[in-house]
């Protein structure tokens, strides 16, 4: 079984971005993100209604990290601590060296290659530092922008599940994409 030590949470840098730990100081920024119907359209949770919901979510994120069960970064433009999105690995399958990636980005920054840049950096971290063998993404098949980002980062379709989860009164389909390391 893979032994993962996610401490301390690494600060990751790209030419345009800083990926850093999320703190309670980020509550307002993430409330703006997580309360947006546009951002939450393809996430199987309703938009946040209160900042307290977001504070509770940040606590869950921090607890997962403390237990080595997940890792999440706030996405910031270099030189600015204000998060414009987040990217994470969760559902760590340590026995099979596999993790699920999740992400969201403010609409004002979509279509600029920012998520692709962040994703490429955390993929590198997952394969080199965490020693993951594969990464999967569970995406709503209607979210073509997310699928395009995954494919630009090398993910390939792995499965399609019809009406496999129930959210907000409806059964929804899932498309599973995966990426396998080339590091041996």
N, C-alpha and C. Protein backbone atom coordinates (compact mmCIF):
# COMPACT_ATOMS: atom_id res chain seq x y z
N UNK A 1 0.85 -1.18 0.00
CA UNK A 1 0.00 0.00 0.00
C UNK A 1 0.88 1.24 0.00
N UNK A 2 0.46 2.22 -0.74
CA UNK A 2 1.19 3.48 -0.85
C UNK A 2 1.11 4.25 0.46
N UNK A 3 2.25 4.69 0.96
CA UNK A 3 2.29 5.55 2.14
C UNK A 3 2.42 6.99 1.65
N UNK A 4 1.41 7.80 1.93
CA UNK A 4 1.39 9.18 1.45
C UNK A 4 1.54 10.11 2.64
N UNK A 5 2.52 11.02 2.56
CA UNK A 5 2.67 12.06 3.57
C UNK A 5 2.49 13.40 2.85
N UNK A 6 1.39 14.04 3.12
CA UNK A 6 1.05 15.28 2.44
C UNK A 6 1.46 16.51 3.24
N UNK A 7 2.32 16.32 4.22
CA UNK A 7 2.72 17.42 5.11
C UNK A 7 4.17 17.80 4.88
N UNK A 8 4.48 19.04 4.88
CA UNK A 8 3.53 20.15 4.79
C UNK A 8 2.96 20.24 3.38
N UNK A 9 1.83 20.89 3.26
CA UNK A 9 1.24 21.08 1.93
C UNK A 9 2.20 21.93 1.11
N UNK A 10 2.64 21.42 -0.03
CA UNK A 10 3.65 22.16 -0.79
C UNK A 10 3.06 23.38 -1.50
N UNK A 11 3.84 24.41 -1.55
CA UNK A 11 3.53 25.58 -2.37
C UNK A 11 4.03 25.26 -3.77
N UNK A 12 3.15 25.30 -4.75
CA UNK A 12 3.53 25.00 -6.13
C UNK A 12 3.47 26.28 -6.95
N UNK A 13 4.43 26.45 -7.85
CA UNK A 13 4.51 27.67 -8.68
C UNK A 13 4.54 27.27 -10.15
N UNK A 14 3.87 28.05 -10.96
CA UNK A 14 3.95 27.94 -12.41
C UNK A 14 4.30 29.33 -12.93
N UNK A 15 4.50 29.50 -14.22
CA UNK A 15 4.81 30.84 -14.72
C UNK A 15 3.79 31.91 -14.33
N UNK A 16 2.51 31.53 -14.23
CA UNK A 16 1.48 32.53 -13.90
C UNK A 16 0.82 32.34 -12.54
N UNK A 17 1.00 31.18 -11.93
CA UNK A 17 0.16 30.81 -10.79
C UNK A 17 0.96 30.41 -9.56
N UNK A 18 0.33 30.63 -8.41
CA UNK A 18 0.79 30.09 -7.14
C UNK A 18 -0.33 29.20 -6.62
N UNK A 19 -0.01 27.96 -6.32
CA UNK A 19 -0.97 27.02 -5.74
C UNK A 19 -0.58 26.87 -4.28
N UNK A 20 -1.49 27.23 -3.38
CA UNK A 20 -1.16 27.30 -1.96
C UNK A 20 -2.29 26.72 -1.11
N UNK A 21 -1.98 26.53 0.17
CA UNK A 21 -2.98 26.02 1.11
C UNK A 21 -4.15 27.00 1.21
N UNK A 22 -5.31 26.44 1.41
CA UNK A 22 -6.52 27.23 1.63
C UNK A 22 -6.66 27.46 3.13
N UNK A 23 -6.95 28.70 3.52
CA UNK A 23 -7.11 29.04 4.93
C UNK A 23 -8.48 29.68 5.15
N UNK A 24 -8.82 29.87 6.42
CA UNK A 24 -10.09 30.52 6.74
C UNK A 24 -10.12 31.96 6.24
N UNK A 25 -8.96 32.57 6.03
CA UNK A 25 -8.91 33.92 5.46
C UNK A 25 -9.47 33.95 4.03
N UNK A 26 -9.58 32.79 3.40
CA UNK A 26 -10.09 32.69 2.03
C UNK A 26 -11.61 32.50 1.97
N UNK A 27 -12.26 32.52 3.12
CA UNK A 27 -13.70 32.21 3.17
C UNK A 27 -14.52 33.08 2.23
N UNK A 28 -14.28 34.37 2.21
CA UNK A 28 -15.08 35.25 1.35
C UNK A 28 -14.86 34.96 -0.13
N UNK A 29 -13.61 34.73 -0.51
CA UNK A 29 -13.31 34.42 -1.92
C UNK A 29 -13.98 33.12 -2.34
N UNK A 30 -13.93 32.11 -1.46
CA UNK A 30 -14.55 30.84 -1.82
C UNK A 30 -16.07 30.88 -1.69
N UNK A 31 -16.59 31.77 -0.85
CA UNK A 31 -18.04 31.95 -0.83
C UNK A 31 -18.50 32.51 -2.17
N UNK A 32 -17.78 33.49 -2.69
CA UNK A 32 -18.13 34.05 -4.01
C UNK A 32 -18.10 32.96 -5.08
N UNK A 33 -17.13 32.08 -5.01
CA UNK A 33 -16.99 31.00 -5.99
C UNK A 33 -18.08 29.94 -5.80
N UNK A 34 -18.22 29.46 -4.56
CA UNK A 34 -19.10 28.32 -4.29
C UNK A 34 -20.58 28.71 -4.19
N UNK A 35 -20.88 30.00 -4.17
CA UNK A 35 -22.28 30.43 -4.17
C UNK A 35 -22.76 30.77 -5.58
N UNK A 36 -21.86 30.70 -6.54
CA UNK A 36 -22.20 31.03 -7.92
C UNK A 36 -22.89 29.86 -8.62
N UNK A 37 -24.14 30.03 -9.06
CA UNK A 37 -24.79 28.95 -9.81
C UNK A 37 -24.00 28.54 -11.06
N UNK A 38 -23.35 29.49 -11.70
CA UNK A 38 -22.55 29.18 -12.90
C UNK A 38 -21.39 28.25 -12.56
N UNK A 39 -20.68 28.53 -11.46
CA UNK A 39 -19.55 27.70 -11.05
C UNK A 39 -20.03 26.33 -10.59
N UNK A 40 -21.12 26.29 -9.86
CA UNK A 40 -21.60 25.04 -9.26
C UNK A 40 -22.48 24.22 -10.20
N UNK A 41 -22.69 24.69 -11.41
CA UNK A 41 -23.59 24.03 -12.35
C UNK A 41 -23.29 22.55 -12.51
N UNK A 42 -22.03 22.18 -12.59
CA UNK A 42 -21.66 20.78 -12.83
C UNK A 42 -21.11 20.09 -11.59
N UNK A 43 -21.21 20.73 -10.45
CA UNK A 43 -20.77 20.14 -9.19
C UNK A 43 -22.03 19.57 -8.52
N UNK A 44 -21.95 18.37 -7.98
CA UNK A 44 -23.16 17.73 -7.46
C UNK A 44 -23.52 18.21 -6.05
N UNK A 45 -23.42 19.51 -5.84
CA UNK A 45 -23.83 20.14 -4.59
C UNK A 45 -24.53 21.45 -4.93
N UNK A 46 -25.49 21.85 -4.12
CA UNK A 46 -26.13 23.15 -4.37
C UNK A 46 -25.16 24.28 -4.05
N UNK A 47 -25.35 25.44 -4.65
CA UNK A 47 -24.50 26.59 -4.32
C UNK A 47 -24.59 26.92 -2.82
N UNK A 48 -23.48 27.37 -2.27
CA UNK A 48 -23.46 27.76 -0.85
C UNK A 48 -24.40 28.94 -0.63
N UNK A 49 -25.10 28.90 0.48
CA UNK A 49 -26.03 29.98 0.81
C UNK A 49 -25.46 30.93 1.85
N UNK A 50 -24.50 30.44 2.65
CA UNK A 50 -23.92 31.27 3.71
C UNK A 50 -22.41 31.10 3.74
N UNK A 51 -21.74 32.08 4.29
CA UNK A 51 -20.29 31.99 4.44
C UNK A 51 -19.93 30.90 5.44
N UNK A 52 -20.85 30.62 6.37
CA UNK A 52 -20.61 29.54 7.35
C UNK A 52 -20.51 28.18 6.66
N UNK A 53 -21.27 27.97 5.59
CA UNK A 53 -21.16 26.72 4.83
C UNK A 53 -19.76 26.59 4.23
N UNK A 54 -19.23 27.69 3.74
CA UNK A 54 -17.89 27.68 3.14
C UNK A 54 -16.83 27.48 4.22
N UNK A 55 -17.01 28.10 5.37
CA UNK A 55 -16.08 27.90 6.48
C UNK A 55 -16.06 26.43 6.89
N UNK A 56 -17.23 25.80 6.95
CA UNK A 56 -17.31 24.37 7.27
C UNK A 56 -16.62 23.54 6.19
N UNK A 57 -16.78 23.92 4.93
CA UNK A 57 -16.10 23.22 3.83
C UNK A 57 -14.58 23.34 3.97
N UNK A 58 -14.09 24.52 4.31
CA UNK A 58 -12.64 24.70 4.50
C UNK A 58 -12.15 23.81 5.64
N UNK A 59 -12.93 23.67 6.70
CA UNK A 59 -12.55 22.79 7.81
C UNK A 59 -12.46 21.34 7.33
N UNK A 60 -13.40 20.91 6.50
CA UNK A 60 -13.35 19.55 5.94
C UNK A 60 -12.09 19.37 5.10
N UNK A 61 -11.78 20.36 4.27
CA UNK A 61 -10.57 20.31 3.43
C UNK A 61 -9.33 20.17 4.31
N UNK A 62 -9.26 20.96 5.37
CA UNK A 62 -8.10 20.92 6.27
C UNK A 62 -8.02 19.59 7.01
N UNK A 63 -9.15 19.05 7.42
CA UNK A 63 -9.17 17.76 8.13
C UNK A 63 -8.72 16.64 7.20
N UNK A 64 -9.19 16.65 5.95
CA UNK A 64 -8.74 15.63 4.99
C UNK A 64 -7.22 15.69 4.83
N UNK A 65 -6.69 16.89 4.76
CA UNK A 65 -5.25 17.05 4.60
C UNK A 65 -4.52 16.54 5.84
N UNK A 66 -4.99 16.90 7.02
CA UNK A 66 -4.36 16.46 8.27
C UNK A 66 -4.29 14.94 8.35
N UNK A 67 -5.32 14.26 7.82
CA UNK A 67 -5.39 12.79 7.87
C UNK A 67 -4.71 12.13 6.66
N UNK A 68 -4.09 12.92 5.80
CA UNK A 68 -3.48 12.40 4.56
C UNK A 68 -4.51 11.73 3.65
N UNK A 69 -5.74 12.21 3.69
CA UNK A 69 -6.80 11.66 2.86
C UNK A 69 -7.13 12.53 1.65
N UNK A 70 -6.51 13.68 1.54
CA UNK A 70 -6.76 14.58 0.42
C UNK A 70 -5.86 15.79 0.51
N UNK A 71 -5.73 16.46 -0.61
CA UNK A 71 -4.88 17.66 -0.66
C UNK A 71 -5.53 18.65 -1.62
N UNK A 72 -5.67 19.91 -1.17
CA UNK A 72 -6.31 20.92 -1.99
C UNK A 72 -5.48 22.21 -1.95
N UNK A 73 -5.34 22.80 -3.12
CA UNK A 73 -4.65 24.06 -3.26
C UNK A 73 -5.63 25.14 -3.70
N UNK A 74 -5.45 26.34 -3.19
CA UNK A 74 -6.10 27.51 -3.76
C UNK A 74 -5.27 27.96 -4.95
N UNK A 75 -5.92 28.33 -6.02
CA UNK A 75 -5.23 28.81 -7.23
C UNK A 75 -5.21 30.33 -7.17
N UNK A 76 -4.02 30.90 -7.17
CA UNK A 76 -3.85 32.36 -7.13
C UNK A 76 -2.96 32.80 -8.28
N UNK A 77 -3.22 33.97 -8.81
CA UNK A 77 -2.29 34.56 -9.77
C UNK A 77 -1.04 34.95 -9.01
N UNK A 78 0.13 34.78 -9.62
CA UNK A 78 1.38 35.16 -8.96
C UNK A 78 1.29 36.60 -8.47
N UNK A 79 1.75 36.82 -7.26
CA UNK A 79 1.76 38.16 -6.68
C UNK A 79 0.44 38.59 -6.07
N UNK A 80 -0.55 37.68 -6.03
CA UNK A 80 -1.86 38.02 -5.49
C UNK A 80 -2.34 36.84 -4.65
N UNK A 81 -2.63 37.04 -3.39
CA UNK A 81 -3.06 35.94 -2.51
C UNK A 81 -4.55 35.61 -2.65
N UNK A 82 -5.29 36.38 -3.44
CA UNK A 82 -6.73 36.15 -3.60
C UNK A 82 -6.96 34.92 -4.48
N UNK A 83 -7.58 33.86 -3.94
CA UNK A 83 -7.80 32.66 -4.76
C UNK A 83 -8.87 32.88 -5.82
N UNK A 84 -8.59 32.36 -7.00
CA UNK A 84 -9.55 32.45 -8.11
C UNK A 84 -10.15 31.08 -8.42
N UNK A 85 -9.71 30.07 -7.68
CA UNK A 85 -10.21 28.72 -7.87
C UNK A 85 -9.50 27.77 -6.94
N UNK A 86 -9.76 26.49 -7.13
CA UNK A 86 -9.07 25.47 -6.35
C UNK A 86 -8.88 24.21 -7.20
N UNK A 87 -7.94 23.40 -6.76
CA UNK A 87 -7.66 22.13 -7.42
C UNK A 87 -7.22 21.15 -6.34
N UNK A 88 -7.66 19.91 -6.46
CA UNK A 88 -7.39 18.96 -5.37
C UNK A 88 -7.24 17.54 -5.87
N UNK A 89 -6.69 16.72 -4.97
CA UNK A 89 -6.75 15.27 -5.09
C UNK A 89 -7.53 14.78 -3.88
N UNK A 90 -8.54 13.98 -4.12
CA UNK A 90 -9.33 13.42 -3.04
C UNK A 90 -9.68 12.00 -3.44
N UNK A 91 -10.41 11.33 -2.61
CA UNK A 91 -10.68 9.90 -2.83
C UNK A 91 -9.38 9.18 -3.15
N UNK A 92 -8.39 9.38 -2.29
CA UNK A 92 -7.10 8.72 -2.49
C UNK A 92 -7.28 7.23 -2.29
N UNK A 93 -6.94 6.46 -3.30
CA UNK A 93 -6.97 5.00 -3.24
C UNK A 93 -5.51 4.56 -3.09
N UNK A 94 -5.05 4.52 -1.83
CA UNK A 94 -3.63 4.26 -1.56
C UNK A 94 -3.23 2.84 -1.94
N UNK A 95 -4.16 1.91 -1.83
CA UNK A 95 -3.85 0.53 -2.18
C UNK A 95 -3.53 0.39 -3.67
N UNK A 96 -4.21 1.19 -4.50
CA UNK A 96 -4.02 1.10 -5.94
C UNK A 96 -3.29 2.30 -6.54
N UNK A 97 -2.73 3.14 -5.68
CA UNK A 97 -1.92 4.29 -6.11
C UNK A 97 -2.70 5.18 -7.09
N UNK A 98 -3.94 5.47 -6.72
CA UNK A 98 -4.83 6.22 -7.60
C UNK A 98 -5.51 7.33 -6.79
N UNK A 99 -5.75 8.46 -7.44
CA UNK A 99 -6.44 9.57 -6.80
C UNK A 99 -7.42 10.19 -7.79
N UNK A 100 -8.43 10.84 -7.25
CA UNK A 100 -9.37 11.58 -8.10
C UNK A 100 -9.02 13.06 -8.02
N UNK A 101 -9.02 13.71 -9.17
CA UNK A 101 -8.75 15.14 -9.23
C UNK A 101 -10.09 15.89 -9.27
N UNK A 102 -10.11 17.03 -8.62
CA UNK A 102 -11.27 17.91 -8.65
C UNK A 102 -10.80 19.35 -8.77
N UNK A 103 -11.64 20.22 -9.31
CA UNK A 103 -11.20 21.59 -9.55
C UNK A 103 -12.39 22.48 -9.86
N UNK A 104 -12.22 23.76 -9.63
CA UNK A 104 -13.18 24.78 -10.05
C UNK A 104 -12.44 26.10 -10.20
N UNK A 105 -12.98 26.95 -11.06
CA UNK A 105 -12.32 28.21 -11.38
C UNK A 105 -13.36 29.30 -11.59
N UNK A 106 -13.06 30.49 -11.11
CA UNK A 106 -13.94 31.63 -11.31
C UNK A 106 -14.19 31.85 -12.81
N UNK A 107 -15.44 32.11 -13.19
CA UNK A 107 -15.74 32.32 -14.61
C UNK A 107 -14.90 33.42 -15.26
N UNK A 108 -14.50 34.42 -14.50
CA UNK A 108 -13.69 35.52 -15.05
C UNK A 108 -12.34 35.04 -15.55
N UNK A 109 -11.90 33.86 -15.10
CA UNK A 109 -10.58 33.35 -15.47
C UNK A 109 -10.66 32.09 -16.33
N UNK A 110 -11.85 31.68 -16.70
CA UNK A 110 -12.00 30.50 -17.55
C UNK A 110 -11.65 30.85 -19.00
N UNK A 111 -11.17 29.87 -19.73
CA UNK A 111 -10.83 30.07 -21.13
C UNK A 111 -9.48 30.70 -21.37
N UNK A 112 -8.67 30.83 -20.31
CA UNK A 112 -7.35 31.47 -20.42
C UNK A 112 -6.20 30.47 -20.23
N UNK A 113 -6.53 29.19 -20.12
CA UNK A 113 -5.49 28.17 -19.92
C UNK A 113 -5.01 28.06 -18.48
N UNK A 114 -5.68 28.76 -17.57
CA UNK A 114 -5.25 28.75 -16.17
C UNK A 114 -5.43 27.38 -15.54
N UNK A 115 -6.59 26.75 -15.75
CA UNK A 115 -6.81 25.44 -15.14
C UNK A 115 -5.87 24.41 -15.74
N UNK A 116 -5.61 24.48 -17.01
CA UNK A 116 -4.67 23.55 -17.63
C UNK A 116 -3.29 23.71 -17.01
N UNK A 117 -2.86 24.94 -16.79
CA UNK A 117 -1.56 25.20 -16.17
C UNK A 117 -1.51 24.66 -14.74
N UNK A 118 -2.56 24.90 -13.98
CA UNK A 118 -2.63 24.38 -12.60
C UNK A 118 -2.67 22.86 -12.61
N UNK A 119 -3.46 22.29 -13.50
CA UNK A 119 -3.61 20.84 -13.55
C UNK A 119 -2.30 20.16 -13.92
N UNK A 120 -1.59 20.69 -14.89
CA UNK A 120 -0.31 20.09 -15.26
C UNK A 120 0.66 20.10 -14.08
N UNK A 121 0.64 21.15 -13.27
CA UNK A 121 1.55 21.23 -12.12
C UNK A 121 1.18 20.22 -11.04
N UNK A 122 -0.11 20.07 -10.73
CA UNK A 122 -0.48 19.12 -9.68
C UNK A 122 -0.36 17.67 -10.17
N UNK A 123 -0.53 17.44 -11.46
CA UNK A 123 -0.29 16.10 -12.02
C UNK A 123 1.18 15.72 -11.81
N UNK A 124 2.06 16.64 -12.13
CA UNK A 124 3.49 16.40 -11.91
C UNK A 124 3.75 16.07 -10.44
N UNK A 125 3.15 16.83 -9.54
CA UNK A 125 3.32 16.58 -8.10
C UNK A 125 2.78 15.19 -7.73
N UNK A 126 1.62 14.82 -8.25
CA UNK A 126 1.01 13.52 -7.92
C UNK A 126 1.90 12.36 -8.35
N UNK A 127 2.44 12.45 -9.56
CA UNK A 127 3.25 11.35 -10.07
C UNK A 127 4.65 11.32 -9.48
N UNK A 128 5.26 12.47 -9.27
CA UNK A 128 6.64 12.50 -8.78
C UNK A 128 6.72 12.45 -7.25
N UNK A 129 5.97 13.28 -6.56
CA UNK A 129 6.10 13.36 -5.10
C UNK A 129 5.19 12.37 -4.37
N UNK A 130 3.94 12.23 -4.84
CA UNK A 130 3.00 11.33 -4.17
C UNK A 130 3.15 9.89 -4.65
N UNK A 131 3.83 9.70 -5.77
CA UNK A 131 4.06 8.38 -6.37
C UNK A 131 2.75 7.69 -6.78
N UNK A 132 1.79 8.49 -7.24
CA UNK A 132 0.54 7.94 -7.76
C UNK A 132 0.82 7.27 -9.11
N UNK A 133 0.06 6.24 -9.40
CA UNK A 133 0.18 5.56 -10.69
C UNK A 133 -0.84 6.12 -11.68
N UNK A 134 -2.01 6.50 -11.17
CA UNK A 134 -3.04 7.01 -12.06
C UNK A 134 -3.90 8.04 -11.34
N UNK A 135 -4.49 8.90 -12.15
CA UNK A 135 -5.39 9.94 -11.67
C UNK A 135 -6.67 9.82 -12.47
N UNK A 136 -7.79 9.93 -11.78
CA UNK A 136 -9.06 9.89 -12.50
C UNK A 136 -9.83 11.18 -12.26
N UNK A 137 -10.71 11.47 -13.19
CA UNK A 137 -11.62 12.61 -13.08
C UNK A 137 -13.02 12.10 -13.38
N UNK A 138 -13.96 12.44 -12.52
CA UNK A 138 -15.36 12.10 -12.71
C UNK A 138 -16.06 13.39 -13.12
N UNK A 139 -16.47 13.47 -14.36
CA UNK A 139 -16.98 14.73 -14.91
C UNK A 139 -18.39 14.55 -15.47
N UNK A 140 -19.19 15.58 -15.31
CA UNK A 140 -20.51 15.59 -15.92
C UNK A 140 -20.29 15.65 -17.44
N UNK A 141 -20.86 14.71 -18.20
CA UNK A 141 -20.63 14.69 -19.65
C UNK A 141 -21.06 15.96 -20.37
N UNK A 142 -21.92 16.76 -19.76
CA UNK A 142 -22.34 18.02 -20.38
C UNK A 142 -21.30 19.13 -20.19
N UNK A 143 -20.32 18.91 -19.34
CA UNK A 143 -19.31 19.93 -19.04
C UNK A 143 -18.16 19.81 -20.05
N UNK A 144 -18.41 20.26 -21.26
CA UNK A 144 -17.42 20.12 -22.33
C UNK A 144 -16.14 20.89 -22.05
N UNK A 145 -16.22 22.04 -21.40
CA UNK A 145 -15.01 22.80 -21.08
C UNK A 145 -14.09 22.00 -20.17
N UNK A 146 -14.65 21.31 -19.19
CA UNK A 146 -13.85 20.48 -18.29
C UNK A 146 -13.24 19.30 -19.04
N UNK A 147 -14.03 18.67 -19.89
CA UNK A 147 -13.53 17.55 -20.69
C UNK A 147 -12.38 18.02 -21.58
N UNK A 148 -12.53 19.18 -22.20
CA UNK A 148 -11.45 19.71 -23.05
C UNK A 148 -10.17 19.93 -22.25
N UNK A 149 -10.29 20.48 -21.04
CA UNK A 149 -9.11 20.70 -20.20
C UNK A 149 -8.45 19.37 -19.86
N UNK A 150 -9.25 18.40 -19.46
CA UNK A 150 -8.70 17.08 -19.13
C UNK A 150 -7.95 16.50 -20.33
N UNK A 151 -8.56 16.56 -21.50
CA UNK A 151 -7.92 15.99 -22.69
C UNK A 151 -6.64 16.73 -23.05
N UNK A 152 -6.61 18.06 -22.89
CA UNK A 152 -5.38 18.81 -23.15
C UNK A 152 -4.27 18.42 -22.18
N UNK A 153 -4.65 17.93 -21.01
CA UNK A 153 -3.65 17.50 -20.01
C UNK A 153 -3.32 16.01 -20.14
N UNK A 154 -3.85 15.35 -21.17
CA UNK A 154 -3.48 13.97 -21.44
C UNK A 154 -4.46 12.92 -20.95
N UNK A 155 -5.55 13.32 -20.31
CA UNK A 155 -6.54 12.35 -19.83
C UNK A 155 -7.28 11.74 -21.02
N UNK A 156 -7.68 10.49 -20.86
CA UNK A 156 -8.44 9.79 -21.89
C UNK A 156 -9.73 9.24 -21.27
N UNK A 157 -10.77 9.08 -22.09
CA UNK A 157 -12.01 8.50 -21.56
C UNK A 157 -11.78 7.07 -21.08
N UNK A 158 -12.34 6.76 -19.94
CA UNK A 158 -12.17 5.42 -19.38
C UNK A 158 -13.51 4.70 -19.22
N UNK A 159 -14.55 5.45 -18.88
CA UNK A 159 -15.86 4.82 -18.66
C UNK A 159 -16.95 5.88 -18.77
N UNK A 160 -18.15 5.39 -19.01
CA UNK A 160 -19.33 6.26 -19.02
C UNK A 160 -20.40 5.52 -18.23
N UNK A 161 -20.90 6.17 -17.19
CA UNK A 161 -21.93 5.57 -16.36
C UNK A 161 -23.22 6.35 -16.51
N UNK A 162 -24.27 5.64 -16.90
CA UNK A 162 -25.58 6.27 -17.09
C UNK A 162 -26.33 6.33 -15.77
N UNK A 163 -26.83 7.53 -15.47
CA UNK A 163 -27.66 7.76 -14.28
C UNK A 163 -27.07 7.08 -13.04
N UNK A 164 -25.79 7.29 -12.81
CA UNK A 164 -25.14 6.58 -11.71
C UNK A 164 -25.10 7.33 -10.39
N UNK A 165 -25.55 8.59 -10.37
CA UNK A 165 -25.68 9.24 -9.07
C UNK A 165 -26.86 10.20 -9.06
N UNK A 166 -27.38 10.39 -7.85
CA UNK A 166 -28.59 11.17 -7.64
C UNK A 166 -28.21 12.49 -7.01
N UNK A 167 -28.62 13.59 -7.63
CA UNK A 167 -28.30 14.91 -7.10
C UNK A 167 -29.43 15.87 -7.42
N UNK A 168 -29.87 16.59 -6.40
CA UNK A 168 -30.89 17.63 -6.58
C UNK A 168 -32.14 17.09 -7.30
N UNK A 169 -32.55 15.87 -6.94
CA UNK A 169 -33.78 15.32 -7.48
C UNK A 169 -33.67 14.65 -8.83
N UNK A 170 -32.44 14.50 -9.36
CA UNK A 170 -32.26 13.90 -10.68
C UNK A 170 -31.12 12.88 -10.66
N UNK A 171 -31.26 11.85 -11.50
CA UNK A 171 -30.15 10.94 -11.73
C UNK A 171 -29.29 11.53 -12.84
N UNK A 172 -27.99 11.53 -12.64
CA UNK A 172 -27.06 12.14 -13.58
C UNK A 172 -26.04 11.12 -14.08
N UNK A 173 -25.58 11.33 -15.30
CA UNK A 173 -24.53 10.50 -15.88
C UNK A 173 -23.16 10.99 -15.42
N UNK A 174 -22.17 10.11 -15.52
CA UNK A 174 -20.78 10.46 -15.24
C UNK A 174 -19.89 9.95 -16.35
N UNK A 175 -18.93 10.76 -16.73
CA UNK A 175 -17.86 10.32 -17.63
C UNK A 175 -16.59 10.26 -16.79
N UNK A 176 -15.90 9.15 -16.88
CA UNK A 176 -14.66 8.96 -16.12
C UNK A 176 -13.50 9.07 -17.09
N UNK A 177 -12.57 9.95 -16.77
CA UNK A 177 -11.35 10.13 -17.54
C UNK A 177 -10.18 9.75 -16.66
N UNK A 178 -9.09 9.27 -17.27
CA UNK A 178 -7.94 8.90 -16.46
C UNK A 178 -6.64 9.25 -17.16
N UNK A 179 -5.61 9.32 -16.34
CA UNK A 179 -4.25 9.58 -16.80
C UNK A 179 -3.34 8.64 -16.03
N UNK A 180 -2.49 7.94 -16.74
CA UNK A 180 -1.55 7.00 -16.11
C UNK A 180 -0.15 7.56 -16.25
N UNK A 181 0.62 7.44 -15.19
CA UNK A 181 1.97 7.98 -15.19
C UNK A 181 2.85 7.31 -16.25
N UNK A 182 3.80 8.07 -16.73
CA UNK A 182 4.82 7.51 -17.63
C UNK A 182 6.12 7.28 -16.86
N UNK A 183 6.13 7.65 -15.57
CA UNK A 183 7.31 7.46 -14.72
C UNK A 183 7.33 6.01 -14.27
N UNK A 184 8.42 5.34 -14.48
CA UNK A 184 8.52 3.92 -14.06
C UNK A 184 9.56 3.77 -13.00
